[in-house]
Structure formats: structure tokens, C-alpha cells
Amino acid sequence: MSKDIKTPKNMSLDDMKRVIEAKGRDVLGLPNAEAISVKHEKVKDRVFVGIFEKPSPKVLSLAMPFLEKNMHKLCDILVKHCWVDGDNEIKEDSALTLAAGSKIVEIWISGVEAELVNF
């Protein structure tokens, strides 16, 4: 990672939130990472931000068996293994983990389709 890229280590969370709101996804210039912001209904005045890497094939193989059976477990695996940095509450609160994990699914998994072709 280039030293001139502002990452969560040297960017305040308020700065990160402003950049996310202004520029949307892929705000940190990391090609395989996304900034995800989530809100908690019990903490209305706070936005939680996490930076997540694109799930590797290994992580996907761990998570995908839970896609239809246990969304909480799927999101827990994705958040745990794709985490780069951000508000630790996302990893510690099950509602925030579910919200962030669902967003990871939406960004990197949902748009992918495959079709079996017989030759």
C-alpha cells in the first residue's frame, strides 16, 4: 500500500465519513477494498464505518454454505475475514455485523451469475 494513500490509520472517522458521502464506494484508492458505512437504530446520531477487502476465494468457500441457511453466520465470517479497519463496534455488535456483511454480499457477491452450458 502506498504511503500517500489516506487510510483509516491516518484519517479521522469524521474525515472518512465525509469522503464516503462525497465520493461513494472505493474512496480510499485501494483497488480491492470498499468503505462501508452502517447505522444502528439504537444509536441514531452515529454512523459506523468499516473498510473491507474483497472476499478471497477461500473466504467465500467458508461463507457460502451459510448463504441460505444462516445469514448471521455468513455475515460474521465475511466481516471477520474481510476487515481492514474502522469502527470496532461493527465487529462487536451483531446488528452492525449483519448490516456490514449484507453490504459485502451486495457489493461483491450478488451481482455475479453463472450458467452451465452443455456443449
C-alpha atoms as a PDB file:
ATOM      1  CA  MET A   1       0.000   0.000   0.000  1.00  0.00           C
ATOM      2  CA  SER A   2       1.320   3.414  -0.954  1.00  0.00           C
ATOM      3  CA  LYS A   3       2.246   5.699   1.928  1.00  0.00           C
ATOM      4  CA  ASP A   4       0.469   8.695   0.352  1.00  0.00           C
ATOM      5  CA  ILE A   5      -2.941   6.980   0.414  1.00  0.00           C
ATOM      6  CA  LYS A   6      -5.012   8.155   3.361  1.00  0.00           C
ATOM      7  CA  THR A   7      -6.106   5.015   5.138  1.00  0.00           C
ATOM      8  CA  PRO A   8      -8.154   4.671   8.309  1.00  0.00           C
ATOM      9  CA  LYS A   9      -4.902   4.643  10.305  1.00  0.00           C
ATOM     10  CA  ASN A  10      -4.178   8.276   9.474  1.00  0.00           C
ATOM     11  CA  MET A  11      -7.650   9.569   8.599  1.00  0.00           C
ATOM     12  CA  SER A  12     -10.161  10.529  11.251  1.00  0.00           C
ATOM     13  CA  LEU A  13     -13.507   8.752  11.139  1.00  0.00           C
ATOM     14  CA  ASP A  14     -15.230  12.087  10.519  1.00  0.00           C
ATOM     15  CA  ASP A  15     -12.969  12.675   7.500  1.00  0.00           C
ATOM     16  CA  MET A  16     -13.675   9.147   6.266  1.00  0.00           C
ATOM     17  CA  LYS A  17     -17.425   9.691   6.580  1.00  0.00           C
ATOM     18  CA  ARG A  18     -17.245  12.964   4.621  1.00  0.00           C
ATOM     19  CA  VAL A  19     -15.205  11.332   1.855  1.00  0.00           C
ATOM     20  CA  ILE A  20     -17.585   8.363   1.691  1.00  0.00           C
ATOM     21  CA  GLU A  21     -20.590  10.665   1.420  1.00  0.00           C
ATOM     22  CA  ALA A  22     -18.893  12.766  -1.271  1.00  0.00           C
ATOM     23  CA  LYS A  23     -17.332  10.059  -3.413  1.00  0.00           C
ATOM     24  CA  GLY A  24     -19.168   6.843  -2.636  1.00  0.00           C
ATOM     25  CA  ARG A  25     -17.524   3.429  -2.834  1.00  0.00           C
ATOM     26  CA  ASP A  26     -13.841   2.751  -3.442  1.00  0.00           C
ATOM     27  CA  VAL A  27     -12.956   6.023  -1.720  1.00  0.00           C
ATOM     28  CA  LEU A  28      -9.555   5.109  -0.381  1.00  0.00           C
ATOM     29  CA  GLY A  29      -7.890   4.225  -3.659  1.00  0.00           C
ATOM     30  CA  LEU A  30      -7.474   0.599  -2.615  1.00  0.00           C
ATOM     31  CA  PRO A  31      -8.394  -1.488  -5.669  1.00  0.00           C
ATOM     32  CA  ASN A  32      -9.927  -4.410  -3.769  1.00  0.00           C
ATOM     33  CA  ALA A  33     -11.387  -2.624  -0.758  1.00  0.00           C
ATOM     34  CA  GLU A  34     -14.598  -0.770  -0.052  1.00  0.00           C
ATOM     35  CA  ALA A  35     -15.643   1.652   2.656  1.00  0.00           C
ATOM     36  CA  ILE A  36     -18.968   0.640   4.137  1.00  0.00           C
ATOM     37  CA  SER A  37     -20.987   2.831   6.464  1.00  0.00           C
ATOM     38  CA  VAL A  38     -23.760   1.402   8.628  1.00  0.00           C
ATOM     39  CA  LYS A  39     -26.223   2.874  11.097  1.00  0.00           C
ATOM     40  CA  HIS A  40     -27.717   1.315  14.202  1.00  0.00           C
ATOM     41  CA  GLU A  41     -31.347   2.078  15.033  1.00  0.00           C
ATOM     42  CA  LYS A  42     -30.468   2.412  18.733  1.00  0.00           C
ATOM     43  CA  VAL A  43     -27.642   4.900  18.044  1.00  0.00           C
ATOM     44  CA  LYS A  44     -29.324   7.311  15.632  1.00  0.00           C
ATOM     45  CA  ASP A  45     -26.732  10.093  15.787  1.00  0.00           C
ATOM     46  CA  ARG A  46     -23.737   7.929  14.796  1.00  0.00           C
ATOM     47  CA  VAL A  47     -22.563   6.359  11.559  1.00  0.00           C
ATOM     48  CA  PHE A  48     -20.174   3.426  11.876  1.00  0.00           C
ATOM     49  CA  VAL A  49     -17.564   2.987   9.154  1.00  0.00           C
ATOM     50  CA  GLY A  50     -15.584  -0.085   8.215  1.00  0.00           C
ATOM     51  CA  ILE A  51     -13.099  -0.777   5.435  1.00  0.00           C
ATOM     52  CA  PHE A  52     -13.356  -4.242   3.941  1.00  0.00           C
ATOM     53  CA  GLU A  53     -11.275  -6.157   1.402  1.00  0.00           C
ATOM     54  CA  LYS A  54     -12.886  -8.093  -1.398  1.00  0.00           C
ATOM     55  CA  PRO A  55     -13.563 -11.632  -0.134  1.00  0.00           C
ATOM     56  CA  SER A  56     -10.944 -14.111  -1.328  1.00  0.00           C
ATOM     57  CA  PRO A  57     -11.988 -17.452  -2.820  1.00  0.00           C
ATOM     58  CA  LYS A  58     -11.004 -19.080   0.489  1.00  0.00           C
ATOM     59  CA  VAL A  59     -13.256 -16.738   2.474  1.00  0.00           C
ATOM     60  CA  LEU A  60     -16.098 -17.289   0.013  1.00  0.00           C
ATOM     61  CA  SER A  61     -15.743 -21.058   0.381  1.00  0.00           C
ATOM     62  CA  LEU A  62     -16.056 -20.636   4.164  1.00  0.00           C
ATOM     63  CA  ALA A  63     -19.054 -18.316   3.931  1.00  0.00           C
ATOM     64  CA  MET A  64     -21.162 -19.575   1.034  1.00  0.00           C
ATOM     65  CA  PRO A  65     -22.552 -22.717   2.734  1.00  0.00           C
ATOM     66  CA  PHE A  66     -24.420 -20.324   5.056  1.00  0.00           C
ATOM     67  CA  LEU A  67     -25.936 -18.171   2.277  1.00  0.00           C
ATOM     68  CA  GLU A  68     -29.449 -19.597   2.501  1.00  0.00           C
ATOM     69  CA  LYS A  69     -29.301 -21.243   5.928  1.00  0.00           C
ATOM     70  CA  ASN A  70     -27.743 -18.739   8.337  1.00  0.00           C
ATOM     71  CA  MET A  71     -27.265 -15.141   7.193  1.00  0.00           C
ATOM     72  CA  HIS A  72     -25.853 -14.107  10.592  1.00  0.00           C
ATOM     73  CA  LYS A  73     -23.056 -16.697  10.333  1.00  0.00           C
ATOM     74  CA  LEU A  74     -22.363 -15.710   6.702  1.00  0.00           C
ATOM     75  CA  CYS A  75     -22.052 -12.029   7.642  1.00  0.00           C
ATOM     76  CA  ASP A  76     -19.919 -12.841  10.680  1.00  0.00           C
ATOM     77  CA  ILE A  77     -17.451 -14.778   8.503  1.00  0.00           C
ATOM     78  CA  LEU A  78     -17.308 -12.047   5.848  1.00  0.00           C
ATOM     79  CA  VAL A  79     -16.817  -9.222   8.352  1.00  0.00           C
ATOM     80  CA  LYS A  80     -14.184 -11.152  10.313  1.00  0.00           C
ATOM     81  CA  HIS A  81     -12.119 -12.203   7.287  1.00  0.00           C
ATOM     82  CA  CYS A  82     -12.517  -9.096   5.095  1.00  0.00           C
ATOM     83  CA  TRP A  83     -11.928  -6.491   7.825  1.00  0.00           C
ATOM     84  CA  VAL A  84      -9.200  -3.913   7.176  1.00  0.00           C
ATOM     85  CA  ASP A  85     -10.004  -1.169   9.702  1.00  0.00           C
ATOM     86  CA  GLY A  86     -12.730   1.087  11.050  1.00  0.00           C
ATOM     87  CA  ASP A  87     -15.132   1.250  13.969  1.00  0.00           C
ATOM     88  CA  ASN A  88     -14.713  -1.933  16.038  1.00  0.00           C
ATOM     89  CA  GLU A  89     -18.380  -1.772  17.012  1.00  0.00           C
ATOM     90  CA  ILE A  90     -19.132  -3.250  13.579  1.00  0.00           C
ATOM     91  CA  LYS A  91     -17.310  -6.436  14.585  1.00  0.00           C
ATOM     92  CA  GLU A  92     -18.716  -6.478  18.130  1.00  0.00           C
ATOM     93  CA  ASP A  93     -22.421  -5.685  17.639  1.00  0.00           C
ATOM     94  CA  SER A  94     -24.450  -8.374  15.870  1.00  0.00           C
ATOM     95  CA  ALA A  95     -26.821  -5.884  14.202  1.00  0.00           C
ATOM     96  CA  LEU A  96     -23.923  -3.871  12.756  1.00  0.00           C
ATOM     97  CA  THR A  97     -22.138  -7.072  11.694  1.00  0.00           C
ATOM     98  CA  LEU A  98     -25.270  -8.212   9.869  1.00  0.00           C
ATOM     99  CA  ALA A  99     -25.646  -4.829   8.147  1.00  0.00           C
ATOM    100  CA  ALA A 100     -21.999  -4.677   7.058  1.00  0.00           C
ATOM    101  CA  GLY A 101     -21.922  -8.332   5.994  1.00  0.00           C
ATOM    102  CA  SER A 102     -25.094  -7.857   3.954  1.00  0.00           C
ATOM    103  CA  LYS A 103     -23.453  -4.912   2.202  1.00  0.00           C
ATOM    104  CA  ILE A 104     -20.375  -7.052   1.432  1.00  0.00           C
ATOM    105  CA  VAL A 105     -22.694  -9.630  -0.138  1.00  0.00           C
ATOM    106  CA  GLU A 106     -24.442  -6.904  -2.129  1.00  0.00           C
ATOM    107  CA  ILE A 107     -21.204  -5.343  -3.395  1.00  0.00           C
ATOM    108  CA  TRP A 108     -19.104  -8.378  -4.221  1.00  0.00           C
ATOM    109  CA  ILE A 109     -21.333 -11.437  -4.438  1.00  0.00           C
ATOM    110  CA  SER A 110     -24.902 -10.606  -5.518  1.00  0.00           C
ATOM    111  CA  GLY A 111     -24.101  -9.318  -8.998  1.00  0.00           C
ATOM    112  CA  VAL A 112     -22.210 -12.443 -10.009  1.00  0.00           C
ATOM    113  CA  GLU A 113     -24.091 -15.020 -12.038  1.00  0.00           C
ATOM    114  CA  ALA A 114     -23.060 -18.252 -13.657  1.00  0.00           C
ATOM    115  CA  GLU A 115     -24.736 -20.528 -16.128  1.00  0.00           C
ATOM    116  CA  LEU A 116     -23.994 -24.129 -17.013  1.00  0.00           C
ATOM    117  CA  VAL A 117     -23.553 -24.603 -20.745  1.00  0.00           C
ATOM    118  CA  ASN A 118     -23.643 -28.051 -22.288  1.00  0.00           C
ATOM    119  CA  PHE A 119     -21.515 -28.478 -25.392  1.00  0.00           C
END
